[in-house]
Amino acid sequence: MPTTIHSTAIIHPKAQLDQDVEVGPYTVIGEDTQIGAGTKIGPHCIFEFCTVGKNNLFTGAAYVGMPPQDFSYHGEHTRLTMGDNNIVREAVSLHRGSHATNLTAIGSGCMLMANSHVGHDCRLGDNIVMVNSSAAAGHVHIGDRALISGLSGIHQFTRIGKFAMLSGGGMANQDIIPYVIAQGDRAKPVALNLVGLKRNGFSREAIKAIKHVFKTLFFRGLLLKDAIARLRAENLPQEAALILDFCEASKRGISRPRRSARDLETAVND
């Protein structure tokens, strides 16, 4: 099918729109923008300095590739990239990179619900859900299949691990390891995301190993570095070893559970 552009839309002469792209009323496609085949853009959107993949849906009033909210940014040429099959709902704001990394990158299969925000220099993986009015500040990294619940905030440079869940209203200012549910102001892990792991096909052996790593890191009275060293000496499956890789790469520090050892069984068996 041919590309369809509403008569009120404004398209920069150098913008590139692939076949079967739809552009709704009063949308502006600015310079240095590429839109992949099959992508549908609703009314009142703005796109600039971005590359968007195939079959994405922008329902309306989305702002994609906007300048970073950074006082040190002075118009440097930076970008935002997005993969395929994403859903971007009303009033979502996605900012391009700053001069620090030059790039904001979003993967494929994500759903960014109404009023959610992705700040400059963020890195988002695949199949992430950001619920209404959740926000990732600059330089945040979010792993594959993470769920950021409504009204949650993520401090700049903080990382959210794969398959992690940040509960509604949570405020994360330290790294949240993979596979956990975190909640609260200055969010802390409260349990493993066992339902999410089972739904995504993790084997019993992998889940058992993840539980073991979680217990050893947080409920054995060990310093984090000593717990990691002990676990490195074991023959852990890749899924469990991912937690150790995540911890070793932390710069902001790892968010640790508030619970005592008496609550251990609840934390790993919820």
Protein backbone atom coordinates (compact mmCIF):
# COMPACT_ATOMS: atom_id res chain seq x y z
CA MET A 1 0.00 0.00 0.00
CA PRO A 2 1.21 3.55 -0.65
CA THR A 3 2.18 5.95 2.11
CA THR A 4 -0.80 8.03 3.28
CA ILE A 5 -0.21 11.57 4.54
CA HIS A 6 -3.03 13.78 5.76
CA SER A 7 -3.29 17.11 3.97
CA THR A 8 -2.62 19.05 7.19
CA ALA A 9 0.57 17.16 8.09
CA ILE A 10 3.93 18.87 7.53
CA ILE A 11 6.79 16.68 6.27
CA HIS A 12 10.37 17.93 6.02
CA PRO A 13 11.73 17.53 2.47
CA LYS A 14 14.58 15.33 3.70
CA ALA A 15 12.47 13.09 5.92
CA GLN A 16 12.27 9.49 4.70
CA LEU A 17 8.98 7.59 4.96
CA ASP A 18 8.87 3.97 3.82
CA GLN A 19 5.97 2.26 2.10
CA ASP A 20 2.62 1.94 3.87
CA VAL A 21 3.32 4.65 6.47
CA GLU A 22 0.27 6.59 7.66
CA VAL A 23 0.58 10.15 8.98
CA GLY A 24 -2.40 11.73 10.69
CA PRO A 25 -3.71 15.31 10.84
CA TYR A 26 -1.50 18.13 12.08
CA THR A 27 1.51 15.90 12.63
CA VAL A 28 4.97 17.32 11.94
CA ILE A 29 7.80 15.11 10.63
CA GLY A 30 11.01 17.11 10.98
CA GLU A 31 14.46 16.83 9.54
CA ASP A 32 16.77 13.83 9.72
CA THR A 33 13.86 11.48 10.39
CA GLN A 34 13.29 7.99 9.02
CA ILE A 35 9.99 6.16 9.53
CA GLY A 36 9.82 2.40 8.80
CA ALA A 37 7.25 0.59 6.69
CA GLY A 38 3.81 0.00 8.14
CA THR A 39 4.17 2.53 10.94
CA LYS A 40 1.00 4.46 11.76
CA ILE A 41 1.25 7.95 13.24
CA GLY A 42 -1.87 9.59 14.66
CA PRO A 43 -2.71 13.29 14.90
CA HIS A 44 -0.72 16.08 16.57
CA CYS A 45 2.60 14.22 16.80
CA ILE A 46 6.09 15.67 16.35
CA PHE A 47 9.05 13.63 15.09
CA GLU A 48 12.61 14.86 14.55
CA PHE A 49 16.16 13.52 14.55
CA CYS A 50 14.98 9.95 14.94
CA THR A 51 14.89 6.58 13.22
CA VAL A 52 11.73 4.57 13.80
CA GLY A 53 11.42 0.97 12.67
CA LYS A 54 8.56 -1.00 11.12
CA ASN A 55 4.95 -1.45 12.19
CA ASN A 56 4.99 0.92 15.12
CA LEU A 57 1.80 2.61 16.30
CA PHE A 58 1.66 6.17 17.65
CA THR A 59 -1.94 6.90 18.60
CA GLY A 60 -1.55 10.67 18.87
CA ALA A 61 0.13 13.65 20.51
CA ALA A 62 3.46 11.80 20.86
CA TYR A 63 6.72 13.76 20.89
CA VAL A 64 9.54 11.68 19.47
CA GLY A 65 13.16 12.77 19.25
CA MET A 66 12.69 16.01 21.15
CA PRO A 67 15.77 17.86 22.49
CA PRO A 68 17.11 16.58 25.82
CA GLN A 69 16.09 18.37 28.99
CA ASP A 70 19.70 19.10 29.84
CA PHE A 71 21.18 22.55 30.47
CA SER A 72 24.50 21.41 28.97
CA TYR A 73 22.90 20.55 25.63
CA HIS A 74 23.53 23.24 23.03
CA GLY A 75 22.04 21.85 19.86
CA GLU A 76 24.50 19.06 19.13
CA HIS A 77 23.39 16.59 16.48
CA THR A 78 22.05 13.62 18.43
CA ARG A 79 19.42 10.96 17.77
CA LEU A 80 16.69 8.65 19.01
CA THR A 81 16.26 5.17 17.56
CA MET A 82 13.34 2.78 17.96
CA GLY A 83 12.84 -0.79 16.78
CA ASP A 84 9.73 -2.48 15.43
CA ASN A 85 6.20 -3.24 16.66
CA ASN A 86 6.10 -0.72 19.48
CA ILE A 87 2.89 0.90 20.75
CA VAL A 88 3.21 4.53 21.85
CA ARG A 89 0.08 6.02 23.35
CA GLU A 90 -1.15 9.58 23.89
CA ALA A 91 1.17 12.33 25.14
CA VAL A 92 4.26 10.15 25.41
CA SER A 93 7.55 12.09 25.28
CA LEU A 94 10.74 10.45 23.97
CA HIS A 95 13.87 12.62 24.02
CA ARG A 96 16.91 12.17 21.85
CA GLY A 97 20.39 11.78 23.31
CA SER A 98 22.57 14.50 24.73
CA HIS A 99 26.18 15.15 23.80
CA ALA A 100 27.16 12.60 26.49
CA THR A 101 26.25 9.56 24.36
CA ASN A 102 24.47 11.11 21.35
CA LEU A 103 21.72 8.50 21.46
CA THR A 104 18.49 7.40 23.09
CA ALA A 105 17.65 3.83 22.05
CA ILE A 106 14.38 1.93 22.43
CA GLY A 107 14.01 -1.71 21.36
CA SER A 108 11.10 -3.59 19.83
CA GLY A 109 7.74 -4.78 21.11
CA CYS A 110 7.46 -2.17 23.86
CA MET A 111 4.26 -0.52 25.05
CA LEU A 112 4.63 3.03 26.32
CA MET A 113 1.32 4.04 27.82
CA ALA A 114 -0.20 7.50 28.02
CA ASN A 115 1.95 10.28 29.49
CA SER A 116 5.00 8.08 30.00
CA HIS A 117 8.43 9.62 29.45
CA VAL A 118 11.84 8.37 28.30
CA GLY A 119 14.62 10.87 28.93
CA HIS A 120 17.81 11.57 27.04
CA ASP A 121 20.49 8.88 26.64
CA CYS A 122 18.23 6.10 27.93
CA ARG A 123 18.60 2.53 26.74
CA LEU A 124 15.45 0.42 26.69
CA GLY A 125 15.42 -3.22 25.68
CA ASP A 126 12.61 -5.24 24.08
CA ASN A 127 9.05 -5.95 25.27
CA ILE A 128 9.11 -3.36 28.03
CA VAL A 129 5.87 -1.93 29.41
CA MET A 130 5.82 1.58 30.86
CA VAL A 131 2.42 2.24 32.39
CA ASN A 132 0.66 5.61 32.48
CA SER A 133 2.71 8.54 33.78
CA SER A 134 5.82 6.49 34.54
CA ALA A 135 9.08 8.26 33.80
CA ALA A 136 12.70 7.32 33.15
CA ALA A 137 15.16 10.16 33.69
CA GLY A 138 18.30 10.62 31.62
CA HIS A 139 20.74 7.72 31.15
CA VAL A 140 18.37 5.10 32.60
CA HIS A 141 18.78 1.53 31.36
CA ILE A 142 15.78 -0.83 31.39
CA GLY A 143 16.18 -4.51 30.58
CA ASP A 144 14.02 -6.73 28.38
CA ARG A 145 10.46 -7.47 29.57
CA ALA A 146 10.66 -5.16 32.55
CA LEU A 147 7.39 -3.64 33.77
CA ILE A 148 7.39 -0.06 35.04
CA SER A 149 4.05 0.52 36.75
CA GLY A 150 1.98 3.68 36.75
CA LEU A 151 3.30 6.87 38.37
CA SER A 152 6.72 5.31 38.91
CA GLY A 153 9.92 7.30 38.60
CA ILE A 154 13.46 6.14 37.83
CA HIS A 155 16.40 8.34 38.87
CA GLN A 156 18.99 9.23 36.26
CA PHE A 157 21.72 6.62 35.62
CA THR A 158 19.68 3.93 37.41
CA ARG A 159 19.27 0.49 35.84
CA ILE A 160 16.25 -1.81 35.95
CA GLY A 161 17.07 -5.46 35.27
CA LYS A 162 15.39 -7.90 32.91
CA PHE A 163 12.00 -9.24 33.98
CA ALA A 164 11.92 -6.85 36.96
CA MET A 165 8.74 -5.08 38.05
CA LEU A 166 8.68 -1.62 39.61
CA SER A 167 5.37 -1.34 41.46
CA GLY A 168 2.96 1.57 41.13
CA GLY A 169 4.28 4.81 42.55
CA GLY A 170 7.72 3.31 43.11
CA MET A 171 10.75 5.60 43.02
CA ALA A 172 13.97 3.80 42.04
CA ASN A 173 17.26 5.54 42.80
CA GLN A 174 19.50 2.46 42.91
CA ASP A 175 19.80 -0.44 40.49
CA ILE A 176 17.01 -3.02 40.65
CA ILE A 177 18.38 -6.49 39.90
CA PRO A 178 16.73 -8.75 37.32
CA TYR A 179 13.72 -10.90 38.19
CA VAL A 180 12.49 -9.03 41.27
CA ILE A 181 9.44 -7.03 42.24
CA ALA A 182 10.48 -3.70 43.76
CA GLN A 183 8.25 -1.19 45.47
CA GLY A 184 8.17 1.90 47.62
CA ASP A 185 9.84 5.28 47.84
CA ARG A 186 13.53 4.53 47.19
CA ALA A 187 12.26 1.22 45.85
CA LYS A 188 13.52 -2.03 47.32
CA PRO A 189 13.04 -5.63 46.16
CA VAL A 190 10.25 -7.32 48.08
CA ALA A 191 9.97 -10.64 46.22
CA LEU A 192 11.00 -12.51 43.12
CA ASN A 193 8.81 -12.09 40.04
CA LEU A 194 8.02 -15.81 39.97
CA VAL A 195 4.80 -15.42 38.00
CA GLY A 196 6.65 -13.51 35.28
CA LEU A 197 9.42 -16.11 35.15
CA LYS A 198 6.98 -19.00 34.80
CA ARG A 199 4.93 -17.21 32.16
CA ASN A 200 8.09 -16.63 30.14
CA GLY A 201 9.14 -20.25 30.14
CA PHE A 202 11.91 -20.32 32.74
CA SER A 203 12.66 -23.91 33.76
CA ARG A 204 12.35 -25.17 37.34
CA GLU A 205 16.12 -25.51 37.48
CA ALA A 206 16.65 -21.90 36.37
CA ILE A 207 14.10 -20.58 38.88
CA LYS A 208 15.68 -22.64 41.67
CA ALA A 209 19.09 -21.18 40.82
CA ILE A 210 17.68 -17.63 40.72
CA LYS A 211 16.18 -18.17 44.18
CA HIS A 212 19.53 -19.42 45.44
CA VAL A 213 21.33 -16.35 44.10
CA PHE A 214 18.70 -14.04 45.61
CA LYS A 215 19.05 -15.70 49.03
CA THR A 216 22.83 -15.65 48.97
CA LEU A 217 23.10 -12.02 47.92
CA PHE A 218 20.67 -10.61 50.43
CA PHE A 219 19.87 -13.05 53.25
CA ARG A 220 23.12 -14.75 54.26
CA GLY A 221 24.71 -11.80 56.06
CA LEU A 222 27.48 -11.48 53.46
CA LEU A 223 29.00 -8.39 51.95
CA LEU A 224 27.80 -8.11 48.38
CA LYS A 225 31.28 -8.64 46.93
CA ASP A 226 31.78 -11.75 49.09
CA ALA A 227 28.40 -13.16 48.11
CA ILE A 228 29.21 -12.63 44.43
CA ALA A 229 32.60 -14.32 44.84
CA ARG A 230 30.97 -17.33 46.52
CA LEU A 231 28.36 -17.61 43.76
CA ARG A 232 30.95 -17.24 41.00
CA ALA A 233 32.58 -20.41 42.27
CA GLU A 234 29.39 -22.35 41.56
CA ASN A 235 28.18 -23.74 38.26
CA LEU A 236 25.20 -21.42 37.86
CA PRO A 237 22.96 -21.47 34.79
CA GLN A 238 23.12 -18.43 32.55
CA GLU A 239 19.82 -17.02 33.82
CA ALA A 240 21.08 -16.89 37.40
CA ALA A 241 24.58 -15.71 36.49
CA LEU A 242 22.95 -12.70 34.80
CA ILE A 243 22.20 -11.30 38.27
CA LEU A 244 25.89 -11.40 39.17
CA ASP A 245 26.86 -9.68 35.90
CA PHE A 246 24.29 -7.00 36.66
CA CYS A 247 25.60 -6.42 40.17
CA GLU A 248 29.22 -6.21 39.08
CA ALA A 249 28.35 -3.56 36.48
CA SER A 250 26.53 -1.33 38.98
CA LYS A 251 27.70 2.24 39.48
CA ARG A 252 24.84 3.59 41.60
CA GLY A 253 24.73 0.61 43.91
CA ILE A 254 22.29 -2.28 44.21
CA SER A 255 18.95 -1.78 45.92
CA ARG A 256 18.73 -4.32 48.75
CA PRO A 257 15.61 -5.73 50.43
CA ARG A 258 14.48 -4.20 53.70
CA ARG A 259 13.21 -7.56 54.92
CA SER A 260 14.85 -9.68 57.58
CA ALA A 261 15.90 -13.30 57.20
CA ARG A 262 12.62 -14.38 58.83
CA ASP A 263 10.81 -13.13 55.75
CA LEU A 264 13.03 -15.04 53.33
CA GLU A 265 10.58 -17.80 52.47
CA THR A 266 7.85 -15.29 51.68
CA ALA A 267 10.20 -13.27 49.48
CA VAL A 268 11.18 -16.22 47.29
CA ASN A 269 7.88 -18.13 47.29
CA ASP A 270 5.27 -15.38 46.68
